[in-house]
Amino acid sequence: MTAFPRVEASSRPDGAESPLPQLGLRANLGQFMLLVAVNALVGGMVGQERTVVPLLAGEVFGLRTVSVALTFIVAFGLVKAVANFAAGALSDRYGRKPVLVAGWIIGVPVPLLLIWAPAWEWLIVANVLLGINQGLTWSTTVTMKIDLVGPARRGLAMGLNEASGYGAVALTAFATGLMADAWGLRPAPFLLGLAFAGLGLGLSSLLVHETRGHAWREAPKDGSSPAGSGALSIGRIFTLTSFREPALSAICQAGLANNLNDALAWGVLPVYYAAAGLSVAEIGILAALYPAVWGLGQLGTGALSDRVGRKRLVATGMLVQALAIALIALTHGFAAWAAAALLLGAGTAMVYPTLLAAVGDVAHPAWRASALGVYRLWRDAGFAVGAILAGLLADRFGVGTAIWTIAILTLLSGVIVGVRMYETHPPASRSAMPVSEPR
């Protein structure tokens, strides 16, 4: 992979010069808000599963062991992790929009498979396709928003992006819980997913514009960045992001630990709540509360990280998540678990957009999409690791042991961030930088 060329102006077919793309939220507000809407549809595709699919495992397909019931999350997490990595590399090489559109094409069959699946293996196939859909579409909307806003408002951009996605996860989880309670587990809840897929494909194909030129605009003319020049191979980017660069490697392990939590919340807790006697509607509320606070909270935490920096929000957020998971194990009943879900959402809101913004701080624009893909590979591998770990522990020692183990691992991750990560958004870059100027 080579560095982006220095771009002084773009040429039209008639030989005339067209103006350089401008960086900044205000200059790109229309496209930015369109991408916010598209990412909400991406989140809705996951939200259609959050309440209903864990219940389908036992009630429709007769699965009795937690580890087997969580195979759909393992499939989703592994495939999404690889798709994230591919999305970053493909976006840097071919452009952002083709990757986004391809992701939506792959997502269209997912709700149909969920509706018609005659056996559990069909749901595994649906989640393989969902993982590809999420990896290509969500990764690309992240990259495109970072391209558009430039360095000064990166945290705000990620807050808005993640708020739209996880707000949609929460609303869809809540809506599908009510629909399942009223009309059964299938097909009604998954009709929402079918609508989301059609809208996402249409908007991405017809209205979304390519943003790679904005990344060229931002690229430092001297090739400098906190983690080196733009002339890096994909192998070098993977090694640097995963292990060698202190901030990026700390970010990767924090992302993985964060999604250990999400695998627990998605696959284990609905079954845990059902065993305690909660109704499907109550489980749907609990399944929605956590991503609702997570989604809405990011509207503030992303922008806050632009002011106070990234490190303290990430470390504190991991500790808050660990406390929330411990409270789920220590308490009992809908009200107590609702309070823990609110706390878990708040901690996740502190972490999620901040980690993405921090990767954008460190990575050179020429390989930023690839670095984001590597980070998201590790982060979403947490789905698979969390599902396997929680499932095996729950089957062998009980669900309580699984919950406590995830809480301890989350606490240790926060400690690693405190020790290894440096501040990636220092005070000098928090000043009132003209967002139309390249870094």
Protein backbone atom coordinates (compact mmCIF):
# COMPACT_ATOMS: atom_id res chain seq x y z
CA MET A 1 0.00 0.00 0.00
CA THR A 2 1.39 3.41 -0.90
CA ALA A 3 0.75 6.83 0.56
CA PHE A 4 -1.99 8.99 -0.85
CA PRO A 5 -0.70 11.46 -3.40
CA ARG A 6 -0.50 15.10 -2.55
CA VAL A 7 -3.74 16.52 -3.89
CA GLU A 8 -3.76 20.17 -4.85
CA ALA A 9 -6.96 20.15 -6.92
CA SER A 10 -9.10 17.69 -8.81
CA SER A 11 -9.59 17.73 -12.55
CA ARG A 12 -12.85 17.41 -14.43
CA PRO A 13 -13.08 15.61 -17.78
CA ASP A 14 -13.19 18.99 -19.57
CA GLY A 15 -9.79 19.88 -18.14
CA ALA A 16 -11.06 22.52 -15.72
CA GLU A 17 -10.04 22.47 -12.08
CA SER A 18 -12.72 21.73 -9.47
CA PRO A 19 -12.34 22.90 -5.88
CA LEU A 20 -10.80 20.63 -3.28
CA PRO A 21 -13.26 18.90 -0.96
CA GLN A 22 -13.74 20.86 2.25
CA LEU A 23 -13.36 19.27 5.67
CA GLY A 24 -15.72 19.96 8.53
CA LEU A 25 -19.17 19.11 9.80
CA ARG A 26 -20.80 22.30 8.56
CA ALA A 27 -19.31 22.02 5.08
CA ASN A 28 -20.54 18.42 4.73
CA LEU A 29 -23.69 18.49 6.85
CA GLY A 30 -26.04 16.98 4.26
CA GLN A 31 -23.88 13.94 3.53
CA PHE A 32 -22.96 13.57 7.19
CA MET A 33 -26.59 13.42 8.32
CA LEU A 34 -27.43 11.03 5.48
CA LEU A 35 -24.70 8.72 6.76
CA VAL A 36 -26.11 9.06 10.28
CA ALA A 37 -29.45 7.83 8.94
CA VAL A 38 -27.80 4.99 7.02
CA ASN A 39 -25.97 3.86 10.14
CA ALA A 40 -29.24 3.85 12.07
CA LEU A 41 -30.52 1.33 9.53
CA VAL A 42 -27.32 -0.70 10.00
CA GLY A 43 -27.98 -0.79 13.74
CA GLY A 44 -31.57 -1.82 13.20
CA MET A 45 -30.37 -4.92 11.36
CA VAL A 46 -28.67 -6.09 14.58
CA GLY A 47 -31.50 -4.86 16.80
CA GLN A 48 -33.99 -7.20 15.14
CA GLU A 49 -32.10 -10.11 16.75
CA ARG A 50 -31.31 -8.81 20.24
CA THR A 51 -34.51 -9.88 21.98
CA VAL A 52 -35.95 -12.60 19.76
CA VAL A 53 -33.15 -14.88 18.50
CA PRO A 54 -31.87 -16.01 21.96
CA LEU A 55 -35.47 -17.02 22.76
CA LEU A 56 -35.89 -18.81 19.42
CA ALA A 57 -32.96 -21.05 20.35
CA GLY A 58 -34.85 -22.73 23.18
CA GLU A 59 -38.52 -22.19 22.39
CA VAL A 60 -38.51 -23.01 18.65
CA PHE A 61 -35.36 -25.05 18.00
CA GLY A 62 -35.12 -26.83 21.35
CA LEU A 63 -31.50 -25.98 22.18
CA ARG A 64 -30.78 -26.63 25.86
CA THR A 65 -27.09 -25.80 26.38
CA VAL A 66 -25.96 -22.18 26.50
CA SER A 67 -22.80 -22.81 24.47
CA VAL A 68 -24.75 -24.29 21.54
CA ALA A 69 -27.40 -21.56 21.73
CA LEU A 70 -24.66 -18.91 21.43
CA THR A 71 -23.23 -20.30 18.19
CA PHE A 72 -25.11 -17.61 16.27
CA ILE A 73 -23.14 -14.92 18.10
CA VAL A 74 -19.86 -16.78 17.55
CA ALA A 75 -20.59 -16.94 13.81
CA PHE A 76 -21.61 -13.28 13.74
CA GLY A 77 -18.57 -12.08 15.70
CA LEU A 78 -15.95 -14.01 13.76
CA VAL A 79 -17.34 -13.05 10.37
CA LYS A 80 -17.91 -9.42 11.32
CA ALA A 81 -14.36 -9.15 12.65
CA VAL A 82 -12.91 -10.35 9.36
CA ALA A 83 -15.33 -8.19 7.37
CA ASN A 84 -14.23 -5.12 9.36
CA PHE A 85 -10.63 -5.80 8.41
CA ALA A 86 -11.54 -6.33 4.77
CA ALA A 87 -13.72 -3.22 4.70
CA GLY A 88 -10.86 -1.02 5.82
CA ALA A 89 -8.39 -2.35 3.28
CA LEU A 90 -10.94 -2.31 0.44
CA SER A 91 -12.06 1.23 1.31
CA ASP A 92 -8.49 2.51 1.12
CA ARG A 93 -7.93 0.74 -2.19
CA TYR A 94 -11.23 1.07 -4.08
CA GLY A 95 -13.19 3.75 -2.27
CA ARG A 96 -15.80 3.85 0.47
CA LYS A 97 -19.10 3.78 -1.42
CA PRO A 98 -18.63 0.46 -3.28
CA VAL A 99 -17.93 -1.28 0.02
CA LEU A 100 -21.01 0.29 1.63
CA VAL A 101 -23.31 -0.77 -1.20
CA ALA A 102 -21.88 -4.32 -1.26
CA GLY A 103 -22.57 -4.63 2.46
CA TRP A 104 -26.23 -3.77 1.98
CA ILE A 105 -26.66 -6.22 -0.90
CA ILE A 106 -25.36 -9.00 1.34
CA GLY A 107 -27.70 -7.94 4.16
CA VAL A 108 -30.96 -8.20 2.21
CA PRO A 109 -31.44 -12.00 2.67
CA VAL A 110 -30.87 -11.88 6.46
CA PRO A 111 -34.43 -11.15 7.67
CA LEU A 112 -35.85 -13.62 5.15
CA LEU A 113 -33.65 -16.39 6.53
CA LEU A 114 -34.65 -15.49 10.09
CA ILE A 115 -38.33 -15.68 9.13
CA TRP A 116 -38.19 -18.96 7.22
CA ALA A 117 -35.39 -20.88 8.97
CA PRO A 118 -36.56 -24.51 9.47
CA ALA A 119 -33.47 -25.44 11.51
CA TRP A 120 -30.92 -23.71 13.73
CA GLU A 121 -28.23 -24.02 11.06
CA TRP A 122 -30.19 -21.59 8.90
CA LEU A 123 -29.89 -18.97 11.64
CA ILE A 124 -26.14 -19.53 11.66
CA VAL A 125 -26.08 -18.81 7.92
CA ALA A 126 -28.20 -15.70 8.50
CA ASN A 127 -25.71 -14.47 11.08
CA VAL A 128 -22.77 -15.12 8.78
CA LEU A 129 -24.44 -12.83 6.25
CA LEU A 130 -25.34 -10.34 9.01
CA GLY A 131 -21.71 -10.28 10.12
CA ILE A 132 -20.56 -9.43 6.59
CA ASN A 133 -23.29 -6.80 6.29
CA GLN A 134 -22.34 -5.16 9.58
CA GLY A 135 -18.59 -5.29 8.96
CA LEU A 136 -18.82 -3.68 5.53
CA THR A 137 -21.54 -1.10 6.25
CA TRP A 138 -20.78 0.04 9.79
CA SER A 139 -17.01 0.18 9.24
CA THR A 140 -17.51 2.23 6.10
CA THR A 141 -19.90 4.75 7.66
CA VAL A 142 -17.35 5.25 10.45
CA THR A 143 -14.58 5.89 7.94
CA MET A 144 -16.72 8.19 5.81
CA LYS A 145 -17.70 10.38 8.75
CA ILE A 146 -14.09 10.68 9.88
CA ASP A 147 -13.16 11.62 6.30
CA LEU A 148 -15.78 14.38 6.20
CA VAL A 149 -15.27 16.16 9.52
CA GLY A 150 -11.47 16.41 9.72
CA PRO A 151 -9.43 16.20 12.94
CA ALA A 152 -11.02 18.84 15.17
CA ARG A 153 -14.49 17.25 15.56
CA ARG A 154 -13.61 13.58 15.27
CA GLY A 155 -15.03 12.64 18.67
CA LEU A 156 -18.31 14.43 17.93
CA ALA A 157 -18.56 12.62 14.59
CA MET A 158 -18.04 9.22 16.19
CA GLY A 159 -20.52 10.04 18.94
CA LEU A 160 -23.20 10.85 16.39
CA ASN A 161 -22.37 7.79 14.30
CA GLU A 162 -22.47 5.34 17.19
CA ALA A 163 -25.49 7.04 18.78
CA SER A 164 -27.50 6.56 15.61
CA GLY A 165 -26.46 2.92 15.26
CA TYR A 166 -26.96 1.82 18.84
CA GLY A 167 -30.01 3.99 19.33
CA ALA A 168 -31.53 2.01 16.48
CA VAL A 169 -30.38 -1.24 18.09
CA ALA A 170 -32.24 -0.24 21.26
CA LEU A 171 -35.44 0.91 19.56
CA THR A 172 -35.56 -2.17 17.37
CA ALA A 173 -34.88 -4.52 20.30
CA PHE A 174 -37.71 -2.86 22.22
CA ALA A 175 -40.10 -2.91 19.24
CA THR A 176 -39.39 -6.54 18.37
CA GLY A 177 -39.92 -7.55 21.99
CA LEU A 178 -43.38 -5.98 21.94
CA MET A 179 -44.15 -7.49 18.54
CA ALA A 180 -43.02 -10.94 19.67
CA ASP A 181 -45.12 -10.66 22.84
CA ALA A 182 -48.19 -9.74 20.79
CA TRP A 183 -47.80 -11.85 17.62
CA GLY A 184 -45.19 -14.49 18.34
CA LEU A 185 -41.46 -14.84 17.77
CA ARG A 186 -41.83 -15.12 13.98
CA PRO A 187 -42.34 -13.59 11.43
CA ALA A 188 -43.52 -10.16 12.65
CA PRO A 189 -40.32 -8.94 14.42
CA PHE A 190 -38.15 -9.57 11.37
CA LEU A 191 -40.32 -7.59 8.96
CA LEU A 192 -38.62 -4.51 10.43
CA GLY A 193 -35.25 -5.87 9.33
CA LEU A 194 -36.53 -6.39 5.80
CA ALA A 195 -37.60 -2.73 5.63
CA PHE A 196 -34.23 -1.59 7.03
CA ALA A 197 -32.30 -3.57 4.42
CA GLY A 198 -34.31 -2.15 1.52
CA LEU A 199 -33.97 1.44 2.73
CA GLY A 200 -30.26 1.07 3.44
CA LEU A 201 -29.51 -0.30 0.00
CA GLY A 202 -31.56 2.39 -1.73
CA LEU A 203 -30.06 5.33 0.16
CA SER A 204 -26.49 4.06 -0.14
CA SER A 205 -26.79 3.38 -3.86
CA LEU A 206 -28.58 6.57 -4.88
CA LEU A 207 -27.64 9.35 -2.45
CA VAL A 208 -24.35 8.61 -0.64
CA HIS A 209 -21.24 10.18 -2.21
CA GLU A 210 -17.64 8.94 -2.17
CA THR A 211 -15.49 10.52 0.60
CA ARG A 212 -11.97 9.23 -0.12
CA GLY A 213 -11.05 12.61 -1.59
CA HIS A 214 -11.64 14.17 1.84
CA ALA A 215 -9.03 11.83 3.33
CA TRP A 216 -6.57 12.89 0.62
CA ARG A 217 -7.32 16.50 1.57
CA GLU A 218 -6.45 15.84 5.21
CA ALA A 219 -3.25 13.86 4.59
CA PRO A 220 -0.20 15.73 5.92
CA LYS A 221 1.88 17.08 3.07
CA ASP A 222 5.08 15.93 4.79
CA GLY A 223 3.74 12.39 5.33
CA SER A 224 3.97 12.69 9.13
CA SER A 225 1.52 11.31 11.67
CA PRO A 226 1.71 10.11 15.27
CA ALA A 227 2.33 6.55 14.08
CA GLY A 228 4.45 7.09 11.04
CA SER A 229 4.17 7.75 7.34
CA GLY A 230 1.48 6.71 4.92
CA ALA A 231 3.65 4.21 2.97
CA LEU A 232 2.74 1.05 4.92
CA SER A 233 1.76 -2.45 3.84
CA ILE A 234 -1.39 -4.03 5.24
CA GLY A 235 0.76 -6.44 7.27
CA ARG A 236 2.68 -3.56 8.78
CA ILE A 237 -0.56 -1.75 9.61
CA PHE A 238 -1.92 -4.88 11.31
CA THR A 239 1.20 -5.36 13.43
CA LEU A 240 1.46 -1.69 14.33
CA THR A 241 -2.19 -1.34 15.28
CA SER A 242 -2.49 -4.64 17.11
CA PHE A 243 0.75 -4.84 19.08
CA ARG A 244 3.53 -2.31 18.55
CA GLU A 245 2.01 1.16 18.81
CA PRO A 246 1.12 1.66 22.52
CA ALA A 247 -2.10 3.63 22.14
CA LEU A 248 -3.44 1.59 19.23
CA SER A 249 -2.70 -1.75 20.89
CA ALA A 250 -4.33 -0.60 24.14
CA ILE A 251 -7.35 0.53 22.11
CA CYS A 252 -7.62 -2.87 20.41
CA GLN A 253 -7.69 -4.85 23.65
CA ALA A 254 -10.21 -2.43 25.19
CA GLY A 255 -12.47 -2.87 22.18
CA LEU A 256 -12.27 -6.65 22.48
CA ALA A 257 -13.13 -6.50 26.20
CA ASN A 258 -16.03 -4.15 25.51
CA ASN A 259 -17.61 -6.65 23.13
CA LEU A 260 -17.14 -9.48 25.60
CA ASN A 261 -19.75 -7.49 27.54
CA ASP A 262 -22.00 -7.10 24.54
CA ALA A 263 -21.89 -10.84 23.78
CA LEU A 264 -22.94 -11.48 27.37
CA ALA A 265 -25.78 -8.94 27.15
CA TRP A 266 -26.95 -10.22 23.79
CA GLY A 267 -26.76 -13.98 24.19
CA VAL A 268 -26.72 -14.88 27.89
CA LEU A 269 -28.67 -12.24 29.80
CA PRO A 270 -32.02 -12.70 27.97
CA VAL A 271 -31.92 -16.41 28.90
CA TYR A 272 -30.81 -15.51 32.45
CA TYR A 273 -33.74 -13.11 32.81
CA ALA A 274 -36.20 -15.61 31.35
CA ALA A 275 -35.06 -18.27 33.85
CA ALA A 276 -35.76 -15.75 36.61
CA GLY A 277 -39.38 -15.48 35.45
CA LEU A 278 -39.40 -12.23 33.47
CA SER A 279 -41.82 -11.92 30.54
CA VAL A 280 -40.72 -11.47 26.94
CA ALA A 281 -41.83 -7.82 27.09
CA GLU A 282 -39.75 -7.22 30.25
CA ILE A 283 -36.74 -8.92 28.66
CA GLY A 284 -37.22 -6.69 25.62
CA ILE A 285 -37.13 -3.60 27.84
CA LEU A 286 -33.91 -4.75 29.52
CA ALA A 287 -32.42 -5.63 26.13
CA ALA A 288 -33.27 -2.10 24.94
CA LEU A 289 -32.20 -0.08 27.99
CA TYR A 290 -28.52 -0.88 27.71
CA PRO A 291 -28.05 0.08 24.03
CA ALA A 292 -30.46 3.03 24.47
CA VAL A 293 -28.26 4.66 27.11
CA TRP A 294 -25.20 3.59 25.14
CA GLY A 295 -26.57 5.18 21.98
CA LEU A 296 -27.91 8.43 23.46
CA GLY A 297 -24.94 8.84 25.80
CA GLN A 298 -22.55 8.92 22.86
CA LEU A 299 -24.10 12.20 21.72
CA GLY A 300 -22.32 13.73 24.71
CA THR A 301 -19.30 11.51 25.29
CA GLY A 302 -17.95 11.74 21.75
CA ALA A 303 -17.93 15.53 21.85
CA LEU A 304 -16.62 15.46 25.44
CA SER A 305 -13.57 13.47 24.32
CA ASP A 306 -12.74 16.34 21.91
CA ARG A 307 -12.50 18.60 24.96
CA VAL A 308 -11.02 16.48 27.76
CA GLY A 309 -9.12 13.87 25.74
CA ARG A 310 -9.61 10.20 25.05
CA LYS A 311 -7.70 8.23 27.69
CA ARG A 312 -9.60 9.16 30.82
CA LEU A 313 -12.97 8.46 29.22
CA VAL A 314 -11.87 5.03 27.99
CA ALA A 315 -10.31 3.93 31.30
CA THR A 316 -13.23 5.21 33.38
CA GLY A 317 -15.80 3.71 31.02
CA MET A 318 -14.25 0.24 31.27
CA LEU A 319 -14.38 0.42 35.07
CA VAL A 320 -18.03 1.52 35.01
CA GLN A 321 -18.90 -1.40 32.75
CA ALA A 322 -17.18 -3.84 35.12
CA LEU A 323 -19.20 -2.46 38.04
CA ALA A 324 -22.47 -2.74 36.10
CA ILE A 325 -21.87 -6.39 35.19
CA ALA A 326 -21.01 -7.19 38.81
CA LEU A 327 -24.30 -5.60 39.89
CA ILE A 328 -26.22 -7.91 37.54
CA ALA A 329 -24.67 -10.88 39.34
CA LEU A 330 -25.24 -9.41 42.81
CA THR A 331 -28.87 -8.29 42.43
CA HIS A 332 -32.19 -9.82 41.38
CA GLY A 333 -35.40 -8.55 39.81
CA PHE A 334 -36.47 -6.28 36.99
CA ALA A 335 -35.83 -2.94 38.76
CA ALA A 336 -32.31 -3.83 39.91
CA TRP A 337 -31.35 -5.27 36.54
CA ALA A 338 -32.76 -2.19 34.80
CA ALA A 339 -30.50 0.02 36.93
CA ALA A 340 -27.50 -2.17 36.06
CA ALA A 341 -28.40 -1.99 32.36
CA LEU A 342 -28.48 1.81 32.56
CA LEU A 343 -25.04 1.83 34.20
CA LEU A 344 -23.65 -0.62 31.63
CA GLY A 345 -24.93 1.61 28.84
CA ALA A 346 -23.33 4.68 30.40
CA GLY A 347 -19.94 2.99 30.67
CA THR A 348 -20.11 1.74 27.10
CA ALA A 349 -21.07 5.22 25.86
CA MET A 350 -17.88 6.59 27.40
CA VAL A 351 -15.75 4.02 25.58
CA TYR A 352 -17.22 3.29 22.17
CA PRO A 353 -16.94 6.54 20.18
CA THR A 354 -13.79 7.53 22.04
CA LEU A 355 -11.87 4.45 20.91
CA LEU A 356 -12.79 5.09 17.28
CA ALA A 357 -11.78 8.74 17.55
CA ALA A 358 -8.47 7.75 19.13
CA VAL A 359 -7.65 5.44 16.21
CA GLY A 360 -8.37 8.39 13.90
CA ASP A 361 -6.04 10.56 15.98
CA VAL A 362 -3.08 8.22 15.62
CA ALA A 363 -3.44 6.65 12.16
CA HIS A 364 -2.24 8.46 9.02
CA PRO A 365 -5.14 9.33 6.67
CA ALA A 366 -3.55 7.15 3.98
CA TRP A 367 -4.05 4.01 6.09
CA ARG A 368 -6.68 5.19 8.55
CA ALA A 369 -9.48 3.04 7.10
CA SER A 370 -7.20 0.00 7.33
CA ALA A 371 -6.25 0.81 10.94
CA LEU A 372 -9.92 1.21 11.81
CA GLY A 373 -10.52 -2.17 10.18
CA VAL A 374 -7.81 -3.79 12.32
CA TYR A 375 -9.22 -2.21 15.49
CA ARG A 376 -12.74 -3.33 14.61
CA LEU A 377 -11.42 -6.82 13.83
CA TRP A 378 -10.15 -7.12 17.39
CA ARG A 379 -13.19 -5.39 18.87
CA ASP A 380 -15.73 -7.61 17.15
CA ALA A 381 -13.71 -10.74 17.79
CA GLY A 382 -14.91 -9.99 21.31
CA PHE A 383 -18.37 -11.19 20.26
CA ALA A 384 -17.00 -14.62 19.44
CA VAL A 385 -14.61 -14.81 22.41
CA GLY A 386 -17.30 -13.60 24.79
CA ALA A 387 -19.93 -16.01 23.47
CA ILE A 388 -17.60 -19.02 23.63
CA LEU A 389 -16.24 -18.11 27.07
CA ALA A 390 -19.62 -17.24 28.59
CA GLY A 391 -21.28 -20.31 27.06
CA LEU A 392 -18.68 -22.76 28.30
CA LEU A 393 -18.58 -21.22 31.78
CA ALA A 394 -22.37 -21.10 32.03
CA ASP A 395 -22.72 -24.75 31.04
CA ARG A 396 -19.97 -25.92 33.39
CA PHE A 397 -20.27 -23.62 36.42
CA GLY A 398 -23.50 -21.65 35.98
CA VAL A 399 -24.45 -18.31 34.47
CA GLY A 400 -23.33 -16.43 37.59
CA THR A 401 -19.73 -17.55 37.08
CA ALA A 402 -19.85 -16.43 33.46
CA ILE A 403 -21.11 -12.98 34.48
CA TRP A 404 -18.42 -12.54 37.15
CA THR A 405 -15.66 -13.65 34.77
CA ILE A 406 -16.64 -11.05 32.17
CA ALA A 407 -16.77 -8.38 34.89
CA ILE A 408 -13.22 -9.17 36.04
CA LEU A 409 -11.83 -9.21 32.49
CA THR A 410 -13.43 -5.82 31.83
CA LEU A 411 -11.84 -4.41 34.99
CA LEU A 412 -8.40 -5.69 33.92
CA SER A 413 -8.85 -4.11 30.49
CA GLY A 414 -9.44 -0.72 32.09
CA VAL A 415 -6.22 -1.11 34.07
CA ILE A 416 -4.29 -1.91 30.86
CA VAL A 417 -5.65 1.27 29.26
CA GLY A 418 -4.52 3.29 32.27
CA VAL A 419 -0.99 1.85 32.09
CA ARG A 420 -0.32 1.53 28.34
CA MET A 421 -2.37 4.11 26.46
CA TYR A 422 -1.12 7.69 26.10
CA GLU A 423 -3.41 10.65 25.43
CA THR A 424 -3.98 10.76 21.67
CA HIS A 425 -5.84 14.08 21.55
CA PRO A 426 -3.58 16.51 23.43
CA PRO A 427 -4.66 20.06 24.39
CA ALA A 428 -3.05 21.66 21.33
CA SER A 429 -5.37 19.74 19.03
CA ARG A 430 -8.44 20.60 21.12
CA SER A 431 -8.19 24.29 20.27
CA ALA A 432 -10.51 26.00 17.85
CA MET A 433 -8.87 24.56 14.74
CA PRO A 434 -10.41 25.66 11.44
CA VAL A 435 -12.13 22.45 10.38
CA SER A 436 -11.82 23.28 6.69
CA GLU A 437 -8.01 23.10 6.92
CA PRO A 438 -6.05 19.85 6.67
CA ARG A 439 -4.09 18.62 9.66
